[in-house]
N, C-alpha and C. Protein backbone atom coordinates (compact mmCIF):
# COMPACT_ATOMS: atom_id res chain seq x y z
N MET A 1 130.95 157.70 64.23
CA MET A 1 129.87 156.74 64.35
C MET A 1 128.75 157.12 63.39
N THR A 2 128.20 156.13 62.73
CA THR A 2 127.11 156.36 61.81
C THR A 2 125.82 156.66 62.57
N GLN A 3 125.10 157.66 62.11
CA GLN A 3 123.81 158.00 62.71
C GLN A 3 122.71 157.37 61.87
N TYR A 4 121.92 156.53 62.48
CA TYR A 4 120.78 155.93 61.80
C TYR A 4 119.54 156.76 62.09
N VAL A 5 118.52 156.62 61.26
CA VAL A 5 117.32 157.43 61.39
C VAL A 5 116.67 157.25 62.77
N TRP A 6 116.82 156.11 63.38
CA TRP A 6 116.21 155.81 64.67
C TRP A 6 117.12 156.15 65.85
N HIS A 7 118.35 156.52 65.58
CA HIS A 7 119.35 156.67 66.65
C HIS A 7 119.04 157.80 67.63
N ALA A 8 118.49 158.90 67.16
CA ALA A 8 118.20 160.03 68.05
C ALA A 8 117.19 159.63 69.13
N GLN A 9 116.17 158.87 68.73
CA GLN A 9 115.16 158.43 69.69
C GLN A 9 115.77 157.44 70.69
N TYR A 10 116.61 156.56 70.19
CA TYR A 10 117.30 155.59 71.05
C TYR A 10 118.19 156.33 72.07
N ALA A 11 118.97 157.27 71.59
CA ALA A 11 119.86 158.02 72.47
C ALA A 11 119.07 158.79 73.53
N ALA A 12 117.95 159.38 73.14
CA ALA A 12 117.13 160.12 74.11
C ALA A 12 116.65 159.21 75.23
N ALA A 13 116.25 158.00 74.89
CA ALA A 13 115.78 157.06 75.91
C ALA A 13 116.93 156.61 76.82
N MET A 14 118.08 156.37 76.23
CA MET A 14 119.21 155.84 76.99
C MET A 14 119.87 156.89 77.87
N LEU A 15 119.77 158.15 77.51
CA LEU A 15 120.48 159.20 78.26
C LEU A 15 119.71 159.73 79.46
N GLU A 16 118.47 159.31 79.63
CA GLU A 16 117.70 159.74 80.79
C GLU A 16 118.27 159.13 82.07
N THR A 17 118.37 159.92 83.11
CA THR A 17 118.85 159.42 84.40
C THR A 17 117.88 158.41 84.99
N ILE A 18 116.61 158.71 84.88
CA ILE A 18 115.56 157.80 85.33
C ILE A 18 114.82 157.33 84.08
N PRO A 19 114.72 156.02 83.88
CA PRO A 19 114.07 155.51 82.67
C PRO A 19 112.67 156.09 82.48
N ASP A 20 112.35 156.41 81.23
CA ASP A 20 111.07 157.01 80.88
C ASP A 20 110.38 156.11 79.86
N GLN A 21 109.24 155.54 80.23
CA GLN A 21 108.53 154.59 79.36
C GLN A 21 108.17 155.19 78.00
N GLU A 22 107.76 156.44 77.99
CA GLU A 22 107.39 157.07 76.72
C GLU A 22 108.58 157.16 75.77
N LEU A 23 109.74 157.54 76.29
CA LEU A 23 110.93 157.62 75.45
C LEU A 23 111.36 156.24 74.97
N ILE A 24 111.23 155.24 75.83
CA ILE A 24 111.58 153.86 75.45
C ILE A 24 110.66 153.40 74.31
N THR A 25 109.37 153.64 74.46
CA THR A 25 108.41 153.24 73.45
C THR A 25 108.66 153.96 72.13
N THR A 26 108.96 155.25 72.21
CA THR A 26 109.25 156.02 71.00
C THR A 26 110.47 155.45 70.28
N ALA A 27 111.50 155.10 71.03
CA ALA A 27 112.71 154.52 70.44
C ALA A 27 112.40 153.17 69.81
N GLU A 28 111.66 152.33 70.52
CA GLU A 28 111.30 151.02 69.97
C GLU A 28 110.48 151.18 68.70
N ASP A 29 109.54 152.10 68.70
CA ASP A 29 108.72 152.34 67.51
C ASP A 29 109.57 152.78 66.32
N ALA A 30 110.53 153.65 66.57
CA ALA A 30 111.41 154.13 65.49
C ALA A 30 112.24 152.98 64.93
N ILE A 31 112.75 152.12 65.80
CA ILE A 31 113.54 150.98 65.34
C ILE A 31 112.66 150.00 64.55
N HIS A 32 111.47 149.72 65.07
CA HIS A 32 110.58 148.80 64.36
C HIS A 32 110.14 149.38 63.01
N ALA A 33 109.97 150.68 62.93
CA ALA A 33 109.63 151.32 61.66
C ALA A 33 110.76 151.14 60.66
N ARG A 34 112.00 151.25 61.14
CA ARG A 34 113.16 151.05 60.24
C ARG A 34 113.21 149.60 59.76
N LEU A 35 112.94 148.66 60.65
CA LEU A 35 112.94 147.26 60.25
C LEU A 35 111.83 147.00 59.22
N GLN A 36 110.67 147.59 59.44
CA GLN A 36 109.58 147.45 58.47
C GLN A 36 109.99 148.06 57.13
N ASP A 37 110.65 149.18 57.17
CA ASP A 37 111.13 149.85 55.96
C ASP A 37 112.08 148.93 55.19
N SER A 38 112.90 148.19 55.93
CA SER A 38 113.84 147.28 55.27
C SER A 38 113.10 146.15 54.56
N LEU A 39 111.94 145.77 55.07
CA LEU A 39 111.13 144.74 54.42
C LEU A 39 110.44 145.27 53.17
N ASN A 40 110.34 146.58 53.08
CA ASN A 40 109.69 147.22 51.93
C ASN A 40 110.69 147.69 50.88
N GLY A 41 111.87 147.10 50.88
CA GLY A 41 112.83 147.37 49.82
C GLY A 41 113.96 148.33 50.14
N HIS A 42 114.00 148.88 51.33
CA HIS A 42 115.09 149.78 51.72
C HIS A 42 116.07 148.98 52.57
N ALA A 43 117.06 148.41 51.90
CA ALA A 43 117.98 147.46 52.53
C ALA A 43 118.59 147.99 53.82
N ILE A 44 118.85 147.05 54.71
CA ILE A 44 119.51 147.36 55.98
C ILE A 44 120.85 146.64 55.96
N SER A 45 121.90 147.35 56.29
CA SER A 45 123.23 146.74 56.27
C SER A 45 123.41 145.83 57.49
N ALA A 46 124.38 144.96 57.39
CA ALA A 46 124.69 144.07 58.52
C ALA A 46 125.12 144.88 59.73
N VAL A 47 125.80 145.98 59.50
CA VAL A 47 126.25 146.84 60.61
C VAL A 47 125.05 147.49 61.29
N GLU A 48 124.11 148.00 60.50
CA GLU A 48 122.93 148.61 61.11
C GLU A 48 122.08 147.56 61.81
N LEU A 49 121.97 146.38 61.23
CA LEU A 49 121.19 145.32 61.87
C LEU A 49 121.79 144.95 63.22
N GLN A 50 123.10 144.90 63.31
CA GLN A 50 123.75 144.64 64.59
C GLN A 50 123.48 145.77 65.56
N ALA A 51 123.48 147.00 65.09
CA ALA A 51 123.18 148.14 65.95
C ALA A 51 121.74 148.08 66.44
N VAL A 52 120.83 147.62 65.59
CA VAL A 52 119.42 147.46 65.98
C VAL A 52 119.31 146.43 67.09
N ARG A 53 119.98 145.30 66.92
CA ARG A 53 119.94 144.25 67.95
C ARG A 53 120.46 144.78 69.29
N TYR A 54 121.56 145.48 69.23
CA TYR A 54 122.18 146.06 70.42
C TYR A 54 121.21 147.05 71.09
N ALA A 55 120.61 147.91 70.28
CA ALA A 55 119.70 148.93 70.82
C ALA A 55 118.47 148.29 71.45
N LEU A 56 117.87 147.32 70.77
CA LEU A 56 116.68 146.67 71.32
C LEU A 56 117.00 145.93 72.61
N ASP A 57 118.18 145.32 72.67
CA ASP A 57 118.59 144.64 73.90
C ASP A 57 118.71 145.64 75.05
N HIS A 58 119.32 146.78 74.79
CA HIS A 58 119.48 147.78 75.83
C HIS A 58 118.15 148.42 76.24
N LEU A 59 117.26 148.61 75.29
CA LEU A 59 115.94 149.15 75.63
C LEU A 59 115.15 148.15 76.48
N CYS A 60 115.31 146.88 76.19
CA CYS A 60 114.65 145.84 76.99
C CYS A 60 115.17 145.87 78.43
N ARG A 61 116.47 146.01 78.57
CA ARG A 61 117.06 146.11 79.92
C ARG A 61 116.56 147.35 80.64
N LEU A 62 116.44 148.43 79.92
CA LEU A 62 115.95 149.67 80.50
C LEU A 62 114.51 149.52 80.97
N LYS A 63 113.69 148.82 80.20
CA LYS A 63 112.30 148.57 80.61
C LYS A 63 112.26 147.73 81.88
N ARG A 64 113.12 146.72 81.97
CA ARG A 64 113.16 145.90 83.19
C ARG A 64 113.59 146.75 84.38
N GLU A 65 114.53 147.65 84.18
CA GLU A 65 114.96 148.56 85.24
C GLU A 65 113.80 149.46 85.67
N LEU A 66 113.07 149.96 84.69
CA LEU A 66 111.91 150.82 84.99
C LEU A 66 110.88 150.06 85.80
N GLN A 67 110.62 148.82 85.48
CA GLN A 67 109.67 148.02 86.24
C GLN A 67 110.13 147.83 87.68
N GLY A 68 111.43 147.72 87.88
CA GLY A 68 111.98 147.58 89.22
C GLY A 68 111.86 148.84 90.04
N LEU A 69 111.76 150.00 89.38
CA LEU A 69 111.65 151.28 90.08
C LEU A 69 110.23 151.60 90.52
N ARG A 70 109.25 150.94 89.88
CA ARG A 70 107.85 151.22 90.21
C ARG A 70 107.51 150.63 91.57
N PRO A 71 106.77 151.38 92.37
CA PRO A 71 106.35 150.85 93.67
C PRO A 71 105.38 149.69 93.49
N ALA A 72 105.46 148.72 94.38
CA ALA A 72 104.56 147.57 94.33
C ALA A 72 103.13 148.03 94.64
N SER A 73 102.17 147.46 93.91
CA SER A 73 100.78 147.85 94.15
C SER A 73 100.10 146.88 95.07
């Protein structure tokens, strides 16, 4: 499997037993930085773009799970 520059942060967020907002945010920031980099002339392959979509979708699901774990105020 190809390792992208943002993949370590994504994996750290996904491998936590209990979702961690800070890790999720760090992963999202790393992915968005890569997308911004692609707009600045560092091309992104179709394969990496698909991996980005997949990762962002899973991070979004993880955030919804985290919201469900928080006690009601």
